[in-house]
Amino acid sequence: MLSDPSDRAIVRFGEKMTLTPAQMTDADVQSLRDAWFSDENVLEIVAITALFNYVARVADALGIELEEHYSDWSQFLGFERGPTV
């Protein structure tokens, strides 16, 4: 799976942003900074996570099956279905 601490920090952040977005706090952003991500990097992580979540929700609502490469990434990141990170 993911052995790099920075990668794990991104996945933890993205998972929380996806599953419990109302519970995000400054501490979550700080966890990315602590993993040596700049504020610009944090913005990119948030934007990409939000985009993947948007695409997944639109596809789910319309009954559209996403292309296989989305599923491949999700499985690589440890998620069972759909692009969540």
Protein backbone atom coordinates (compact mmCIF):
# COMPACT_ATOMS: atom_id res chain seq x y z
CA MET A 1 0.00 0.00 0.00
CA LEU A 2 1.31 3.49 0.74
CA SER A 3 4.66 3.50 2.49
CA ASP A 4 5.52 7.18 2.15
CA PRO A 5 4.35 9.28 5.15
CA SER A 6 3.45 12.20 2.87
CA ASP A 7 1.23 9.96 0.75
CA ARG A 8 -0.46 8.61 3.86
CA ALA A 9 -1.09 12.18 5.08
CA ILE A 10 -2.80 13.03 1.78
CA VAL A 11 -4.97 9.91 1.91
CA ARG A 12 -6.00 10.51 5.54
CA PHE A 13 -6.86 14.12 4.74
CA GLY A 14 -8.76 13.17 1.58
CA GLU A 15 -10.65 10.40 3.32
CA LYS A 16 -11.81 12.73 6.08
CA MET A 17 -12.69 15.46 3.57
CA THR A 18 -14.72 12.91 1.63
CA LEU A 19 -16.49 11.08 4.44
CA THR A 20 -16.92 13.78 7.09
CA PRO A 21 -16.29 17.19 5.47
CA ALA A 22 -18.12 19.13 8.19
CA GLN A 23 -15.62 17.81 10.73
CA MET A 24 -12.56 19.25 8.97
CA THR A 25 -10.55 21.60 11.18
CA ASP A 26 -7.40 23.69 11.04
CA ALA A 27 -5.62 20.69 12.54
CA ASP A 28 -6.33 18.71 9.37
CA VAL A 29 -4.65 21.37 7.24
CA GLN A 30 -1.81 21.52 9.73
CA SER A 31 -1.32 17.75 9.35
CA LEU A 32 -0.47 18.35 5.70
CA ARG A 33 1.86 21.22 6.56
CA ASP A 34 3.54 18.93 9.10
CA ALA A 35 4.11 16.48 6.23
CA TRP A 36 6.04 19.28 4.46
CA PHE A 37 3.26 20.43 2.11
CA SER A 38 3.14 24.13 1.29
CA ASP A 39 -0.07 26.13 1.38
CA GLU A 40 -0.14 25.89 -2.43
CA ASN A 41 0.15 22.09 -2.15
CA VAL A 42 -2.68 22.03 0.40
CA LEU A 43 -4.90 24.00 -1.96
CA GLU A 44 -4.12 21.53 -4.76
CA ILE A 45 -4.90 18.55 -2.52
CA VAL A 46 -8.23 20.10 -1.49
CA ALA A 47 -9.14 21.03 -5.09
CA ILE A 48 -8.30 17.59 -6.49
CA THR A 49 -10.17 15.82 -3.70
CA ALA A 50 -13.19 18.06 -4.23
CA LEU A 51 -13.10 17.42 -7.98
CA PHE A 52 -12.98 13.65 -7.55
CA ASN A 53 -15.86 13.81 -5.07
CA TYR A 54 -17.89 15.98 -7.43
CA VAL A 55 -17.34 13.63 -10.36
CA ALA A 56 -18.26 10.60 -8.26
CA ARG A 57 -21.46 12.19 -6.97
CA VAL A 58 -22.61 13.34 -10.40
CA ALA A 59 -21.87 9.89 -11.83
CA ASP A 60 -23.73 8.18 -8.97
CA ALA A 61 -26.73 10.48 -9.37
CA LEU A 62 -26.94 9.81 -13.10
CA GLY A 63 -26.13 6.12 -12.90
CA ILE A 64 -22.97 6.56 -14.94
CA GLU A 65 -20.17 4.07 -14.48
CA LEU A 66 -16.83 5.84 -14.29
CA GLU A 67 -13.95 4.83 -16.50
CA GLU A 68 -11.75 2.07 -15.24
CA HIS A 69 -8.76 4.32 -14.45
CA TYR A 70 -10.78 6.06 -11.72
CA SER A 71 -11.46 2.72 -10.11
CA ASP A 72 -7.83 1.68 -10.47
CA TRP A 73 -6.68 4.79 -8.56
CA SER A 74 -9.25 4.25 -5.85
CA GLN A 75 -8.14 0.65 -5.36
CA PHE A 76 -4.49 1.76 -5.28
CA LEU A 77 -5.33 4.28 -2.57
CA GLY A 78 -7.18 1.63 -0.56
CA PHE A 79 -10.79 2.54 -1.30
CA GLU A 80 -13.23 -0.12 -2.44
CA ARG A 81 -15.29 1.92 -4.91
CA GLY A 82 -15.38 5.24 -6.64
CA PRO A 83 -12.86 8.03 -6.75
CA THR A 84 -12.73 9.43 -3.26
CA VAL A 85 -9.26 10.91 -3.17
